[in-house]
Amino acid sequence: MASPDVVIYTKFGCGFCFRAKRLLDAKGVEYTEHDITMGGPRRDEMLSRAPNARTVPQIFIGNTYVGGSDDLQALESAGKLDALLANA
């Protein structure tokens, strides 16, 4: 499946991050992963894109802020994830 820019911010050992990446992998979605375990500029980037984010993963599809793993799964369960991936 062709997809828009999908970006996921993660931390080492995060089960929710693993779950979100597993769903994206199962759909054949290519994504850019930024590990923010040690903080740094990628964490600052994440917070500039999602100022209230305090947990990981934080997922963006194109210009759309999805949220976390549960939000991604909710889109999939509602049948809306494929359309978002196709139209972003």
PDB file of N, CA and C in Angstrom:
ATOM      1  N   MET A   1       0.853  -1.181   0.000  1.00  0.00           N
ATOM      2  CA  MET A   1       0.000   0.000   0.000  1.00  0.00           C
ATOM      3  C   MET A   1       0.892   1.236   0.000  1.00  0.00           C
ATOM      4  N   ALA A   2       0.703   2.126  -0.956  1.00  0.00           N
ATOM      5  CA  ALA A   2       1.431   3.385  -0.957  1.00  0.00           C
ATOM      6  C   ALA A   2       0.886   4.238   0.180  1.00  0.00           C
ATOM      7  N   SER A   3       1.769   4.984   0.796  1.00  0.00           N
ATOM      8  CA  SER A   3       1.297   5.776   1.921  1.00  0.00           C
ATOM      9  C   SER A   3       1.982   7.129   1.937  1.00  0.00           C
ATOM     10  N   PRO A   4       1.343   8.089   2.598  1.00  0.00           N
ATOM     11  CA  PRO A   4       1.965   9.386   2.776  1.00  0.00           C
ATOM     12  C   PRO A   4       3.057   9.272   3.826  1.00  0.00           C
ATOM     13  N   ASP A   5       3.692  10.375   4.113  1.00  0.00           N
ATOM     14  CA  ASP A   5       4.676  10.367   5.185  1.00  0.00           C
ATOM     15  C   ASP A   5       4.001   9.944   6.481  1.00  0.00           C
ATOM     16  N   VAL A   6       4.475   8.863   7.041  1.00  0.00           N
ATOM     17  CA  VAL A   6       3.994   8.398   8.341  1.00  0.00           C
ATOM     18  C   VAL A   6       5.188   8.472   9.282  1.00  0.00           C
ATOM     19  N   VAL A   7       5.002   9.182  10.380  1.00  0.00           N
ATOM     20  CA  VAL A   7       6.066   9.369  11.359  1.00  0.00           C
ATOM     21  C   VAL A   7       5.568   8.875  12.700  1.00  0.00           C
ATOM     22  N   ILE A   8       6.420   8.097  13.374  1.00  0.00           N
ATOM     23  CA  ILE A   8       6.077   7.580  14.690  1.00  0.00           C
ATOM     24  C   ILE A   8       7.246   7.837  15.632  1.00  0.00           C
ATOM     25  N   TYR A   9       6.939   8.470  16.754  1.00  0.00           N
ATOM     26  CA  TYR A   9       7.935   8.739  17.790  1.00  0.00           C
ATOM     27  C   TYR A   9       7.796   7.639  18.839  1.00  0.00           C
ATOM     28  N   THR A  10       8.906   6.995  19.183  1.00  0.00           N
ATOM     29  CA  THR A  10       8.888   5.829  20.063  1.00  0.00           C
ATOM     30  C   THR A  10       9.961   5.930  21.144  1.00  0.00           C
ATOM     31  N   LYS A  11       9.889   4.997  22.081  1.00  0.00           N
ATOM     32  CA  LYS A  11      10.942   4.808  23.074  1.00  0.00           C
ATOM     33  C   LYS A  11      11.277   3.324  23.144  1.00  0.00           C
ATOM     34  N   PHE A  12      12.514   3.033  23.492  1.00  0.00           N
ATOM     35  CA  PHE A  12      12.984   1.655  23.610  1.00  0.00           C
ATOM     36  C   PHE A  12      12.143   0.899  24.629  1.00  0.00           C
ATOM     37  N   GLY A  13      11.731  -0.316  24.271  1.00  0.00           N
ATOM     38  CA  GLY A  13      10.996  -1.186  25.177  1.00  0.00           C
ATOM     39  C   GLY A  13       9.530  -0.848  25.366  1.00  0.00           C
ATOM     40  N   CYS A  14       8.998   0.042  24.566  1.00  0.00           N
ATOM     41  CA  CYS A  14       7.601   0.480  24.697  1.00  0.00           C
ATOM     42  C   CYS A  14       6.669  -0.509  23.990  1.00  0.00           C
ATOM     43  N   GLY A  15       5.832  -1.178  24.771  1.00  0.00           N
ATOM     44  CA  GLY A  15       4.887  -2.141  24.207  1.00  0.00           C
ATOM     45  C   GLY A  15       3.853  -1.509  23.296  1.00  0.00           C
ATOM     46  N   PHE A  16       3.389  -0.316  23.647  1.00  0.00           N
ATOM     47  CA  PHE A  16       2.413   0.368  22.803  1.00  0.00           C
ATOM     48  C   PHE A  16       3.045   0.768  21.473  1.00  0.00           C
ATOM     49  N   CYS A  17       4.326   1.149  21.505  1.00  0.00           N
ATOM     50  CA  CYS A  17       5.051   1.484  20.276  1.00  0.00           C
ATOM     51  C   CYS A  17       5.145   0.251  19.379  1.00  0.00           C
ATOM     52  N   PHE A  18       5.490  -0.878  19.992  1.00  0.00           N
ATOM     53  CA  PHE A  18       5.588  -2.135  19.256  1.00  0.00           C
ATOM     54  C   PHE A  18       4.250  -2.472  18.602  1.00  0.00           C
ATOM     55  N   ARG A  19       3.166  -2.315  19.347  1.00  0.00           N
ATOM     56  CA  ARG A  19       1.838  -2.638  18.836  1.00  0.00           C
ATOM     57  C   ARG A  19       1.473  -1.748  17.642  1.00  0.00           C
ATOM     58  N   ALA A  20       1.774  -0.454  17.742  1.00  0.00           N
ATOM     59  CA  ALA A  20       1.463   0.467  16.645  1.00  0.00           C
ATOM     60  C   ALA A  20       2.291   0.123  15.405  1.00  0.00           C
ATOM     61  N   LYS A  21       3.568  -0.139  15.601  1.00  0.00           N
ATOM     62  CA  LYS A  21       4.433  -0.493  14.467  1.00  0.00           C
ATOM     63  C   LYS A  21       4.002  -1.822  13.854  1.00  0.00           C
ATOM     64  N   ARG A  22       3.567  -2.761  14.661  1.00  0.00           N
ATOM     65  CA  ARG A  22       3.100  -4.054  14.141  1.00  0.00           C
ATOM     66  C   ARG A  22       1.888  -3.855  13.239  1.00  0.00           C
ATOM     67  N   LEU A  23       0.961  -2.985  13.632  1.00  0.00           N
ATOM     68  CA  LEU A  23      -0.212  -2.715  12.800  1.00  0.00           C
ATOM     69  C   LEU A  23       0.210  -2.067  11.478  1.00  0.00           C
ATOM     70  N   LEU A  24       1.085  -1.082  11.553  1.00  0.00           N
ATOM     71  CA  LEU A  24       1.552  -0.427  10.326  1.00  0.00           C
ATOM     72  C   LEU A  24       2.302  -1.410   9.433  1.00  0.00           C
ATOM     73  N   ASP A  25       3.140  -2.248  10.038  1.00  0.00           N
ATOM     74  CA  ASP A  25       3.871  -3.258   9.267  1.00  0.00           C
ATOM     75  C   ASP A  25       2.914  -4.228   8.584  1.00  0.00           C
ATOM     76  N   ALA A  26       1.877  -4.648   9.308  1.00  0.00           N
ATOM     77  CA  ALA A  26       0.905  -5.595   8.755  1.00  0.00           C
ATOM     78  C   ALA A  26       0.181  -5.009   7.546  1.00  0.00           C
ATOM     79  N   LYS A  27       0.033  -3.697   7.526  1.00  0.00           N
ATOM     80  CA  LYS A  27      -0.631  -3.029   6.416  1.00  0.00           C
ATOM     81  C   LYS A  27       0.355  -2.682   5.300  1.00  0.00           C
ATOM     82  N   GLY A  28       1.634  -2.961   5.507  1.00  0.00           N
ATOM     83  CA  GLY A  28       2.639  -2.654   4.497  1.00  0.00           C
ATOM     84  C   GLY A  28       2.975  -1.181   4.408  1.00  0.00           C
ATOM     85  N   VAL A  29       2.741  -0.455   5.490  1.00  0.00           N
ATOM     86  CA  VAL A  29       2.982   0.985   5.507  1.00  0.00           C
ATOM     87  C   VAL A  29       4.442   1.258   5.841  1.00  0.00           C
ATOM     88  N   GLU A  30       5.065   2.076   5.029  1.00  0.00           N
ATOM     89  CA  GLU A  30       6.419   2.525   5.340  1.00  0.00           C
ATOM     90  C   GLU A  30       6.298   3.729   6.259  1.00  0.00           C
ATOM     91  N   TYR A  31       7.157   3.783   7.260  1.00  0.00           N
ATOM     92  CA  TYR A  31       7.102   4.893   8.209  1.00  0.00           C
ATOM     93  C   TYR A  31       8.507   5.253   8.657  1.00  0.00           C
ATOM     94  N   THR A  32       8.615   6.462   9.158  1.00  0.00           N
ATOM     95  CA  THR A  32       9.863   6.931   9.740  1.00  0.00           C
ATOM     96  C   THR A  32       9.704   6.869  11.244  1.00  0.00           C
ATOM     97  N   GLU A  33      10.629   6.179  11.884  1.00  0.00           N
ATOM     98  CA  GLU A  33      10.583   6.048  13.338  1.00  0.00           C
ATOM     99  C   GLU A  33      11.669   6.917  13.960  1.00  0.00           C
ATOM    100  N   HIS A  34      11.271   7.698  14.954  1.00  0.00           N
ATOM    101  CA  HIS A  34      12.215   8.509  15.714  1.00  0.00           C
ATOM    102  C   HIS A  34      12.205   8.016  17.153  1.00  0.00           C
ATOM    103  N   ASP A  35      13.324   7.454  17.597  1.00  0.00           N
ATOM    104  CA  ASP A  35      13.457   6.972  18.965  1.00  0.00           C
ATOM    105  C   ASP A  35      13.838   8.152  19.858  1.00  0.00           C
ATOM    106  N   ILE A  36      12.969   8.475  20.805  1.00  0.00           N
ATOM    107  CA  ILE A  36      13.219   9.615  21.687  1.00  0.00           C
ATOM    108  C   ILE A  36      13.543   9.158  23.115  1.00  0.00           C
ATOM    109  N   THR A  37      14.039   7.930  23.250  1.00  0.00           N
ATOM    110  CA  THR A  37      14.356   7.382  24.565  1.00  0.00           C
ATOM    111  C   THR A  37      15.261   8.325  25.358  1.00  0.00           C
ATOM    112  N   MET A  38      16.246   8.885  24.700  1.00  0.00           N
ATOM    113  CA  MET A  38      17.201   9.747  25.392  1.00  0.00           C
ATOM    114  C   MET A  38      16.860  11.237  25.258  1.00  0.00           C
ATOM    115  N   GLY A  39      15.649  11.541  24.804  1.00  0.00           N
ATOM    116  CA  GLY A  39      15.258  12.938  24.644  1.00  0.00           C
ATOM    117  C   GLY A  39      15.859  13.515  23.382  1.00  0.00           C
ATOM    118  N   GLY A  40      16.375  14.722  23.493  1.00  0.00           N
ATOM    119  CA  GLY A  40      17.054  15.343  22.369  1.00  0.00           C
ATOM    120  C   GLY A  40      16.141  16.087  21.425  1.00  0.00           C
ATOM    121  N   PRO A  41      16.681  16.460  20.263  1.00  0.00           N
ATOM    122  CA  PRO A  41      15.942  17.303  19.327  1.00  0.00           C
ATOM    123  C   PRO A  41      14.691  16.633  18.750  1.00  0.00           C
ATOM    124  N   ARG A  42      14.701  15.313  18.603  1.00  0.00           N
ATOM    125  CA  ARG A  42      13.501  14.639  18.070  1.00  0.00           C
ATOM    126  C   ARG A  42      12.350  14.699  19.079  1.00  0.00           C
ATOM    127  N   ARG A  43      12.673  14.650  20.377  1.00  0.00           N
ATOM    128  CA  ARG A  43      11.631  14.802  21.400  1.00  0.00           C
ATOM    129  C   ARG A  43      11.051  16.211  21.326  1.00  0.00           C
ATOM    130  N   ASP A  44      11.924  17.196  21.180  1.00  0.00           N
ATOM    131  CA  ASP A  44      11.470  18.580  21.046  1.00  0.00           C
ATOM    132  C   ASP A  44      10.603  18.743  19.799  1.00  0.00           C
ATOM    133  N   GLU A  45      10.998  18.070  18.712  1.00  0.00           N
ATOM    134  CA  GLU A  45      10.215  18.104  17.468  1.00  0.00           C
ATOM    135  C   GLU A  45       8.828  17.526  17.714  1.00  0.00           C
ATOM    136  N   MET A  46       8.773  16.367  18.405  1.00  0.00           N
ATOM    137  CA  MET A  46       7.490  15.738  18.711  1.00  0.00           C
ATOM    138  C   MET A  46       6.606  16.686  19.509  1.00  0.00           C
ATOM    139  N   LEU A  47       7.185  17.328  20.518  1.00  0.00           N
ATOM    140  CA  LEU A  47       6.407  18.226  21.364  1.00  0.00           C
ATOM    141  C   LEU A  47       5.963  19.478  20.612  1.00  0.00           C
ATOM    142  N   SER A  48       6.722  19.892  19.622  1.00  0.00           N
ATOM    143  CA  SER A  48       6.280  21.041  18.827  1.00  0.00           C
ATOM    144  C   SER A  48       5.107  20.650  17.928  1.00  0.00           C
ATOM    145  N   ARG A  49       5.067  19.393  17.511  1.00  0.00           N
ATOM    146  CA  ARG A  49       3.974  18.912  16.654  1.00  0.00           C
ATOM    147  C   ARG A  49       2.749  18.514  17.464  1.00  0.00           C
ATOM    148  N   ALA A  50       2.970  18.037  18.687  1.00  0.00           N
ATOM    149  CA  ALA A  50       1.883  17.604  19.571  1.00  0.00           C
ATOM    150  C   ALA A  50       2.211  18.103  20.980  1.00  0.00           C
ATOM    151  N   PRO A  51       1.926  19.381  21.264  1.00  0.00           N
ATOM    152  CA  PRO A  51       2.365  20.011  22.506  1.00  0.00           C
ATOM    153  C   PRO A  51       1.910  19.318  23.785  1.00  0.00           C
ATOM    154  N   ASN A  52       0.795  18.637  23.765  1.00  0.00           N
ATOM    155  CA  ASN A  52       0.291  17.990  24.981  1.00  0.00           C
ATOM    156  C   ASN A  52       0.717  16.532  25.110  1.00  0.00           C
ATOM    157  N   ALA A  53       1.532  16.064  24.183  1.00  0.00           N
ATOM    158  CA  ALA A  53       1.958  14.665  24.193  1.00  0.00           C
ATOM    159  C   ALA A  53       2.945  14.426  25.327  1.00  0.00           C
ATOM    160  N   ARG A  54       2.649  13.429  26.141  1.00  0.00           N
ATOM    161  CA  ARG A  54       3.552  13.075  27.237  1.00  0.00           C
ATOM    162  C   ARG A  54       3.893  11.588  27.225  1.00  0.00           C
ATOM    163  N   THR A  55       3.309  10.874  26.267  1.00  0.00           N
ATOM    164  CA  THR A  55       3.550   9.435  26.160  1.00  0.00           C
ATOM    165  C   THR A  55       3.932   9.104  24.727  1.00  0.00           C
ATOM    166  N   VAL A  56       4.402   7.900  24.536  1.00  0.00           N
ATOM    167  CA  VAL A  56       4.688   7.397  23.191  1.00  0.00           C
ATOM    168  C   VAL A  56       3.903   6.111  23.000  1.00  0.00           C
ATOM    169  N   PRO A  57       3.631   5.759  21.771  1.00  0.00           N
ATOM    170  CA  PRO A  57       4.038   6.446  20.555  1.00  0.00           C
ATOM    171  C   PRO A  57       3.178   7.679  20.290  1.00  0.00           C
ATOM    172  N   GLN A  58       3.708   8.553  19.477  1.00  0.00           N
ATOM    173  CA  GLN A  58       2.954   9.654  18.899  1.00  0.00           C
ATOM    174  C   GLN A  58       3.072   9.463  17.398  1.00  0.00           C
ATOM    175  N   ILE A  59       1.911   9.428  16.731  1.00  0.00           N
ATOM    176  CA  ILE A  59       1.857   9.031  15.330  1.00  0.00           C
ATOM    177  C   ILE A  59       1.247  10.150  14.494  1.00  0.00           C
ATOM    178  N   PHE A  60       1.890  10.406  13.361  1.00  0.00           N
ATOM    179  CA  PHE A  60       1.423  11.408  12.411  1.00  0.00           C
ATOM    180  C   PHE A  60       1.336  10.750  11.042  1.00  0.00           C
ATOM    181  N   ILE A  61       0.224  10.976  10.360  1.00  0.00           N
ATOM    182  CA  ILE A  61       0.045  10.485   8.993  1.00  0.00           C
ATOM    183  C   ILE A  61      -0.158  11.717   8.126  1.00  0.00           C
ATOM    184  N   GLY A  62       0.835  11.999   7.301  1.00  0.00           N
ATOM    185  CA  GLY A  62       0.808  13.250   6.546  1.00  0.00           C
ATOM    186  C   GLY A  62       0.781  14.404   7.531  1.00  0.00           C
ATOM    187  N   ASN A  63      -0.154  15.301   7.355  1.00  0.00           N
ATOM    188  CA  ASN A  63      -0.304  16.439   8.268  1.00  0.00           C
ATOM    189  C   ASN A  63      -1.291  16.156   9.388  1.00  0.00           C
ATOM    190  N   THR A  64      -1.785  14.932   9.461  1.00  0.00           N
ATOM    191  CA  THR A  64      -2.787  14.584  10.461  1.00  0.00           C
ATOM    192  C   THR A  64      -2.135  13.980  11.690  1.00  0.00           C
ATOM    193  N   TYR A  65      -2.442  14.545  12.836  1.00  0.00           N
ATOM    194  CA  TYR A  65      -1.985  13.998  14.105  1.00  0.00           C
ATOM    195  C   TYR A  65      -2.957  12.899  14.517  1.00  0.00           C
ATOM    196  N   VAL A  66      -2.469  11.668  14.579  1.00  0.00           N
ATOM    197  CA  VAL A  66      -3.316  10.526  14.930  1.00  0.00           C
ATOM    198  C   VAL A  66      -3.420  10.377  16.440  1.00  0.00           C
ATOM    199  N   GLY A  67      -2.287  10.500  17.121  1.00  0.00           N
ATOM    200  CA  GLY A  67      -2.242  10.283  18.562  1.00  0.00           C
ATOM    201  C   GLY A  67      -1.383   9.072  18.855  1.00  0.00           C
ATOM    202  N   GLY A  68      -1.853   8.234  19.769  1.00  0.00           N
ATOM    203  CA  GLY A  68      -1.084   7.076  20.191  1.00  0.00           C
ATOM    204  C   GLY A  68      -1.563   5.772  19.577  1.00  0.00           C
ATOM    205  N   SER A  69      -1.083   4.689  20.161  1.00  0.00           N
ATOM    206  CA  SER A  69      -1.390   3.346  19.666  1.00  0.00           C
ATOM    207  C   SER A  69      -2.888   3.052  19.707  1.00  0.00           C
ATOM    208  N   ASP A  70      -3.542   3.419  20.803  1.00  0.00           N
ATOM    209  CA  ASP A  70      -4.984   3.172  20.914  1.00  0.00           C
ATOM    210  C   ASP A  70      -5.759   3.952  19.866  1.00  0.00           C
ATOM    211  N   ASP A  71      -5.305   5.177  19.580  1.00  0.00           N
ATOM    212  CA  ASP A  71      -5.966   6.002  18.559  1.00  0.00           C
ATOM    213  C   ASP A  71      -5.799   5.389  17.174  1.00  0.00           C
ATOM    214  N   LEU A  72      -4.603   4.877  16.899  1.00  0.00           N
ATOM    215  CA  LEU A  72      -4.348   4.209  15.622  1.00  0.00           C
ATOM    216  C   LEU A  72      -5.237   2.976  15.484  1.00  0.00           C
ATOM    217  N   GLN A  73      -5.331   2.196  16.544  1.00  0.00           N
ATOM    218  CA  GLN A  73      -6.170   0.991  16.522  1.00  0.00           C
ATOM    219  C   GLN A  73      -7.644   1.350  16.368  1.00  0.00           C
ATOM    220  N   ALA A  74      -8.063   2.439  16.998  1.00  0.00           N
ATOM    221  CA  ALA A  74      -9.459   2.870  16.870  1.00  0.00           C
ATOM    222  C   ALA A  74      -9.787   3.242  15.423  1.00  0.00           C
ATOM    223  N   LEU A  75      -8.849   3.913  14.746  1.00  0.00           N
ATOM    224  CA  LEU A  75      -9.056   4.225  13.330  1.00  0.00           C
ATOM    225  C   LEU A  75      -9.192   2.953  12.514  1.00  0.00           C
ATOM    226  N   GLU A  76      -8.336   1.975  12.809  1.00  0.00           N
ATOM    227  CA  GLU A  76      -8.395   0.697  12.089  1.00  0.00           C
ATOM    228  C   GLU A  76      -9.722  -0.003  12.349  1.00  0.00           C
ATOM    229  N   SER A  77     -10.134  -0.051  13.603  1.00  0.00           N
ATOM    230  CA  SER A  77     -11.386  -0.733  13.967  1.00  0.00           C
ATOM    231  C   SER A  77     -12.601  -0.070  13.340  1.00  0.00           C
ATOM    232  N   ALA A  78     -12.534   1.245  13.183  1.00  0.00           N
ATOM    233  CA  ALA A  78     -13.641   1.992  12.583  1.00  0.00           C
ATOM    234  C   ALA A  78     -13.593   1.969  11.058  1.00  0.00           C
ATOM    235  N   GLY A  79     -12.567   1.330  10.490  1.00  0.00           N
ATOM    236  CA  GLY A  79     -12.448   1.269   9.042  1.00  0.00           C
ATOM    237  C   GLY A  79     -11.986   2.572   8.413  1.00  0.00           C
ATOM    238  N   LYS A  80     -11.354   3.454   9.191  1.00  0.00           N
ATOM    239  CA  LYS A  80     -10.957   4.769   8.692  1.00  0.00           C
ATOM    240  C   LYS A  80      -9.458   4.896   8.417  1.00  0.00           C
ATOM    241  N   LEU A  81      -8.668   3.932   8.870  1.00  0.00           N
ATOM    242  CA  LEU A  81      -7.224   4.053   8.731  1.00  0.00           C
ATOM    243  C   LEU A  81      -6.782   3.987   7.276  1.00  0.00           C
ATOM    244  N   ASP A  82      -7.324   3.062   6.512  1.00  0.00           N
ATOM    245  CA  ASP A  82      -6.915   2.924   5.109  1.00  0.00           C
ATOM    246  C   ASP A  82      -7.212   4.207   4.328  1.00  0.00           C
ATOM    247  N   ALA A  83      -8.361   4.820   4.581  1.00  0.00           N
ATOM    248  CA  ALA A  83      -8.714   6.059   3.886  1.00  0.00           C
ATOM    249  C   ALA A  83      -7.756   7.182   4.272  1.00  0.00           C
ATOM    250  N   LEU A  84      -7.408   7.250   5.539  1.00  0.00           N
ATOM    251  CA  LEU A  84      -6.450   8.268   5.990  1.00  0.00           C
ATOM    252  C   LEU A  84      -5.099   8.068   5.320  1.00  0.00           C
ATOM    253  N   LEU A  85      -4.683   6.832   5.251  1.00  0.00           N
ATOM    254  CA  LEU A  85      -3.406   6.526   4.604  1.00  0.00           C
ATOM    255  C   LEU A  85      -3.433   6.853   3.115  1.00  0.00           C
ATOM    256  N   ALA A  86      -4.567   6.634   2.486  1.00  0.00           N
ATOM    257  CA  ALA A  86      -4.689   6.882   1.046  1.00  0.00           C
ATOM    258  C   ALA A  86      -4.848   8.344   0.709  1.00  0.00           C
ATOM    259  N   ASN A  87      -5.443   9.121   1.602  1.00  0.00           N
ATOM    260  CA  ASN A  87      -5.798  10.500   1.282  1.00  0.00           C
ATOM    261  C   ASN A  87      -4.927  11.560   1.910  1.00  0.00           C
ATOM    262  N   ALA A  88      -4.027  11.171   2.802  1.00  0.00           N
ATOM    263  CA  ALA A  88      -3.232  12.199   3.496  1.00  0.00           C
ATOM    264  C   ALA A  88      -2.162  12.745   2.587  1.00  0.00           C
TER     265      ALA A  88
END
